[in-house]
Amino acid sequence: MSPLPVAQFLRYALCGVLATLVHSASVWLLSQTLFPAGEGMQWQGTLIGKELRAKHLLLNNALAWPLATWVAYRLNTALVFAPGRHGPWAERLLFAAVAALGFFPGGFVAHWLVQRWQLPSTVAQAGFIATSVAVNFLCRKFLIFRH
């Protein structure tokens, strides 16, 4: 495996930060409005427990995923990776598939951190992000784009 060029990784990190901000802002907004996911919040007049909080956090992440994936794709193709290993539609579908591949382990980690360890949703969200970043970069670097 060849060493990763530092400049490419820094651009990827910047794109990742921006897409993560979009994702996290969407999750926060949904957690404050449609599906409460914070400790001490109420749902339909009842204080939510850890089970419902974990479910709502997972649901909010799933709802935020399409927008964040689109932002990530646009930024990555503009600033980080050269398209061309696959046709445009195959590339988009593979990009979304890889994002889903990163989403599911990340969602599992976030759910597990809330359910098993009763950690705050913000800490669980950090686990979601870290897991997703690792899976996404490796797959995008070696499976989707030319470099």
C-alpha atoms as a PDB file:
ATOM      1  CA  MET A   1       0.000   0.000   0.000  1.00  0.00           C
ATOM      2  CA  SER A   2       1.435   3.360  -0.954  1.00  0.00           C
ATOM      3  CA  PRO A   3       1.654   6.118   1.654  1.00  0.00           C
ATOM      4  CA  LEU A   4      -1.253   8.508   1.778  1.00  0.00           C
ATOM      5  CA  PRO A   5      -0.425  11.971   0.399  1.00  0.00           C
ATOM      6  CA  VAL A   6      -0.741  14.493   3.220  1.00  0.00           C
ATOM      7  CA  ALA A   7      -2.371  17.194   1.086  1.00  0.00           C
ATOM      8  CA  GLN A   8      -5.080  14.809  -0.109  1.00  0.00           C
ATOM      9  CA  PHE A   9      -5.803  13.666   3.421  1.00  0.00           C
ATOM     10  CA  LEU A  10      -6.030  17.261   4.665  1.00  0.00           C
ATOM     11  CA  ARG A  11      -8.507  18.114   1.900  1.00  0.00           C
ATOM     12  CA  TYR A  12     -10.460  14.955   2.741  1.00  0.00           C
ATOM     13  CA  ALA A  13     -10.466  15.959   6.402  1.00  0.00           C
ATOM     14  CA  LEU A  14     -11.777  19.428   5.538  1.00  0.00           C
ATOM     15  CA  CYS A  15     -14.551  17.954   3.389  1.00  0.00           C
ATOM     16  CA  GLY A  16     -15.316  15.496   6.159  1.00  0.00           C
ATOM     17  CA  VAL A  17     -15.549  18.247   8.745  1.00  0.00           C
ATOM     18  CA  LEU A  18     -17.962  20.208   6.559  1.00  0.00           C
ATOM     19  CA  ALA A  19     -20.130  17.165   5.819  1.00  0.00           C
ATOM     20  CA  THR A  20     -20.030  16.218   9.510  1.00  0.00           C
ATOM     21  CA  LEU A  21     -21.176  19.714  10.453  1.00  0.00           C
ATOM     22  CA  VAL A  22     -24.122  19.363   8.061  1.00  0.00           C
ATOM     23  CA  HIS A  23     -24.914  15.915   9.455  1.00  0.00           C
ATOM     24  CA  SER A  24     -24.523  16.928  13.100  1.00  0.00           C
ATOM     25  CA  ALA A  25     -26.559  20.112  12.667  1.00  0.00           C
ATOM     26  CA  SER A  26     -29.318  18.059  11.035  1.00  0.00           C
ATOM     27  CA  VAL A  27     -29.235  15.480  13.848  1.00  0.00           C
ATOM     28  CA  TRP A  28     -29.288  18.234  16.461  1.00  0.00           C
ATOM     29  CA  LEU A  29     -32.225  19.972  14.801  1.00  0.00           C
ATOM     30  CA  LEU A  30     -34.177  16.726  14.524  1.00  0.00           C
ATOM     31  CA  SER A  31     -33.266  15.826  18.128  1.00  0.00           C
ATOM     32  CA  GLN A  32     -34.645  19.155  19.306  1.00  0.00           C
ATOM     33  CA  THR A  33     -37.841  19.008  17.255  1.00  0.00           C
ATOM     34  CA  LEU A  34     -39.238  15.847  15.651  1.00  0.00           C
ATOM     35  CA  PHE A  35     -37.628  13.000  17.587  1.00  0.00           C
ATOM     36  CA  PRO A  36     -36.185  14.145  20.939  1.00  0.00           C
ATOM     37  CA  ALA A  37     -32.869  12.451  21.665  1.00  0.00           C
ATOM     38  CA  GLY A  38     -31.409  14.400  24.568  1.00  0.00           C
ATOM     39  CA  GLU A  39     -31.301  13.342  28.179  1.00  0.00           C
ATOM     40  CA  GLY A  40     -34.198  14.794  30.142  1.00  0.00           C
ATOM     41  CA  MET A  41     -36.293  15.506  27.044  1.00  0.00           C
ATOM     42  CA  GLN A  42     -39.939  14.578  26.696  1.00  0.00           C
ATOM     43  CA  TRP A  43     -41.754  12.737  23.921  1.00  0.00           C
ATOM     44  CA  GLN A  44     -45.535  13.030  23.745  1.00  0.00           C
ATOM     45  CA  GLY A  45     -45.619  14.394  27.290  1.00  0.00           C
ATOM     46  CA  THR A  46     -43.464  11.667  28.845  1.00  0.00           C
ATOM     47  CA  LEU A  47     -39.813  11.794  29.879  1.00  0.00           C
ATOM     48  CA  ILE A  48     -37.869   9.626  27.428  1.00  0.00           C
ATOM     49  CA  GLY A  49     -35.804   6.726  28.706  1.00  0.00           C
ATOM     50  CA  LYS A  50     -32.532   5.411  27.333  1.00  0.00           C
ATOM     51  CA  GLU A  51     -34.252   2.965  24.948  1.00  0.00           C
ATOM     52  CA  LEU A  52     -36.331   5.631  23.242  1.00  0.00           C
ATOM     53  CA  ARG A  53     -33.427   8.099  23.293  1.00  0.00           C
ATOM     54  CA  ALA A  54     -31.217   5.520  21.547  1.00  0.00           C
ATOM     55  CA  LYS A  55     -33.932   4.814  18.944  1.00  0.00           C
ATOM     56  CA  HIS A  56     -34.510   8.503  18.301  1.00  0.00           C
ATOM     57  CA  LEU A  57     -30.787   9.160  17.924  1.00  0.00           C
ATOM     58  CA  LEU A  58     -30.529   6.356  15.376  1.00  0.00           C
ATOM     59  CA  LEU A  59     -33.598   7.638  13.512  1.00  0.00           C
ATOM     60  CA  ASN A  60     -32.268  11.209  13.486  1.00  0.00           C
ATOM     61  CA  ASN A  61     -28.938   9.982  12.102  1.00  0.00           C
ATOM     62  CA  ALA A  62     -30.764   8.048   9.371  1.00  0.00           C
ATOM     63  CA  LEU A  63     -32.807  11.111   8.407  1.00  0.00           C
ATOM     64  CA  ALA A  64     -29.697  13.325   8.316  1.00  0.00           C
ATOM     65  CA  TRP A  65     -27.705  10.832   6.248  1.00  0.00           C
ATOM     66  CA  PRO A  66     -28.913  11.677   2.692  1.00  0.00           C
ATOM     67  CA  LEU A  67     -28.124  15.393   2.909  1.00  0.00           C
ATOM     68  CA  ALA A  68     -24.737  14.817   4.538  1.00  0.00           C
ATOM     69  CA  THR A  69     -23.880  12.156   1.949  1.00  0.00           C
ATOM     70  CA  TRP A  70     -24.743  14.511  -0.914  1.00  0.00           C
ATOM     71  CA  VAL A  71     -22.599  17.280   0.624  1.00  0.00           C
ATOM     72  CA  ALA A  72     -19.721  14.840   1.137  1.00  0.00           C
ATOM     73  CA  TYR A  73     -19.939  13.607  -2.457  1.00  0.00           C
ATOM     74  CA  ARG A  74     -19.971  17.094  -3.957  1.00  0.00           C
ATOM     75  CA  LEU A  75     -17.028  18.243  -1.830  1.00  0.00           C
ATOM     76  CA  ASN A  76     -14.977  15.077  -2.350  1.00  0.00           C
ATOM     77  CA  THR A  77     -15.382  15.109  -6.128  1.00  0.00           C
ATOM     78  CA  ALA A  78     -14.556  18.819  -6.272  1.00  0.00           C
ATOM     79  CA  LEU A  79     -11.586  18.879  -3.895  1.00  0.00           C
ATOM     80  CA  VAL A  80     -10.179  15.448  -3.076  1.00  0.00           C
ATOM     81  CA  PHE A  81     -10.605  12.550  -5.462  1.00  0.00           C
ATOM     82  CA  ALA A  82     -10.424  12.316  -9.238  1.00  0.00           C
ATOM     83  CA  PRO A  83     -13.499  10.703 -10.744  1.00  0.00           C
ATOM     84  CA  GLY A  84     -13.142   8.223 -13.541  1.00  0.00           C
ATOM     85  CA  ARG A  85     -12.622   4.768 -12.105  1.00  0.00           C
ATOM     86  CA  HIS A  86     -16.342   4.157 -12.689  1.00  0.00           C
ATOM     87  CA  GLY A  87     -19.055   5.890 -14.708  1.00  0.00           C
ATOM     88  CA  PRO A  88     -20.814   8.862 -13.054  1.00  0.00           C
ATOM     89  CA  TRP A  89     -23.903   6.949 -11.886  1.00  0.00           C
ATOM     90  CA  ALA A  90     -21.915   3.953 -10.688  1.00  0.00           C
ATOM     91  CA  GLU A  91     -19.604   6.324  -8.835  1.00  0.00           C
ATOM     92  CA  ARG A  92     -22.546   8.041  -7.103  1.00  0.00           C
ATOM     93  CA  LEU A  93     -24.141   4.733  -6.182  1.00  0.00           C
ATOM     94  CA  LEU A  94     -20.859   3.353  -4.868  1.00  0.00           C
ATOM     95  CA  PHE A  95     -20.278   6.542  -2.889  1.00  0.00           C
ATOM     96  CA  ALA A  96     -23.726   6.219  -1.304  1.00  0.00           C
ATOM     97  CA  ALA A  97     -23.170   2.501  -0.654  1.00  0.00           C
ATOM     98  CA  VAL A  98     -19.890   3.241   1.100  1.00  0.00           C
ATOM     99  CA  ALA A  99     -21.589   5.980   3.118  1.00  0.00           C
ATOM    100  CA  ALA A 100     -24.234   3.425   4.132  1.00  0.00           C
ATOM    101  CA  LEU A 101     -21.493   0.932   4.957  1.00  0.00           C
ATOM    102  CA  GLY A 102     -20.004   3.531   7.294  1.00  0.00           C
ATOM    103  CA  PHE A 103     -23.426   4.525   8.648  1.00  0.00           C
ATOM    104  CA  PHE A 104     -24.467   1.116   9.943  1.00  0.00           C
ATOM    105  CA  PRO A 105     -21.440   0.389  12.158  1.00  0.00           C
ATOM    106  CA  GLY A 106     -21.502   4.023  13.284  1.00  0.00           C
ATOM    107  CA  GLY A 107     -25.198   3.757  14.137  1.00  0.00           C
ATOM    108  CA  PHE A 108     -24.563   0.533  16.022  1.00  0.00           C
ATOM    109  CA  VAL A 109     -21.781   2.149  18.051  1.00  0.00           C
ATOM    110  CA  ALA A 110     -23.925   5.192  18.917  1.00  0.00           C
ATOM    111  CA  HIS A 111     -26.888   3.011  19.893  1.00  0.00           C
ATOM    112  CA  TRP A 112     -24.646   0.734  21.962  1.00  0.00           C
ATOM    113  CA  LEU A 113     -23.005   3.666  23.777  1.00  0.00           C
ATOM    114  CA  VAL A 114     -26.415   4.981  24.835  1.00  0.00           C
ATOM    115  CA  GLN A 115     -27.985   1.598  25.643  1.00  0.00           C
ATOM    116  CA  ARG A 116     -25.088  -0.208  27.282  1.00  0.00           C
ATOM    117  CA  TRP A 117     -23.082   2.615  28.834  1.00  0.00           C
ATOM    118  CA  GLN A 118     -25.844   5.229  29.187  1.00  0.00           C
ATOM    119  CA  LEU A 119     -23.551   7.873  27.735  1.00  0.00           C
ATOM    120  CA  PRO A 120     -24.923  11.256  26.655  1.00  0.00           C
ATOM    121  CA  SER A 121     -26.127  11.485  23.068  1.00  0.00           C
ATOM    122  CA  THR A 122     -23.315  13.894  22.162  1.00  0.00           C
ATOM    123  CA  VAL A 123     -20.682  11.347  23.237  1.00  0.00           C
ATOM    124  CA  ALA A 124     -22.507   8.591  21.361  1.00  0.00           C
ATOM    125  CA  GLN A 125     -22.583  10.846  18.296  1.00  0.00           C
ATOM    126  CA  ALA A 126     -18.790  11.184  18.490  1.00  0.00           C
ATOM    127  CA  GLY A 127     -18.551   7.374  18.354  1.00  0.00           C
ATOM    128  CA  PHE A 128     -20.820   7.383  15.301  1.00  0.00           C
ATOM    129  CA  ILE A 129     -18.612   9.939  13.554  1.00  0.00           C
ATOM    130  CA  ALA A 130     -15.293   8.223  14.333  1.00  0.00           C
ATOM    131  CA  THR A 131     -16.507   4.832  13.118  1.00  0.00           C
ATOM    132  CA  SER A 132     -18.041   6.264   9.945  1.00  0.00           C
ATOM    133  CA  VAL A 133     -14.948   8.302   9.038  1.00  0.00           C
ATOM    134  CA  ALA A 134     -12.640   5.306   9.171  1.00  0.00           C
ATOM    135  CA  VAL A 135     -14.843   3.106   6.985  1.00  0.00           C
ATOM    136  CA  ASN A 136     -15.657   5.875   4.501  1.00  0.00           C
ATOM    137  CA  PHE A 137     -12.122   7.059   3.833  1.00  0.00           C
ATOM    138  CA  LEU A 138     -10.668   3.621   3.260  1.00  0.00           C
ATOM    139  CA  CYS A 139     -13.451   2.540   0.922  1.00  0.00           C
ATOM    140  CA  ARG A 140     -13.499   5.788  -1.024  1.00  0.00           C
ATOM    141  CA  LYS A 141      -9.741   5.894  -1.376  1.00  0.00           C
ATOM    142  CA  PHE A 142      -9.309   2.326  -2.560  1.00  0.00           C
ATOM    143  CA  LEU A 143     -12.633   1.283  -4.107  1.00  0.00           C
ATOM    144  CA  ILE A 144     -14.342   4.271  -5.693  1.00  0.00           C
ATOM    145  CA  PHE A 145     -11.954   6.922  -6.950  1.00  0.00           C
ATOM    146  CA  ARG A 146      -8.801   6.767  -9.020  1.00  0.00           C
ATOM    147  CA  HIS A 147      -6.601   8.427  -6.395  1.00  0.00           C
END
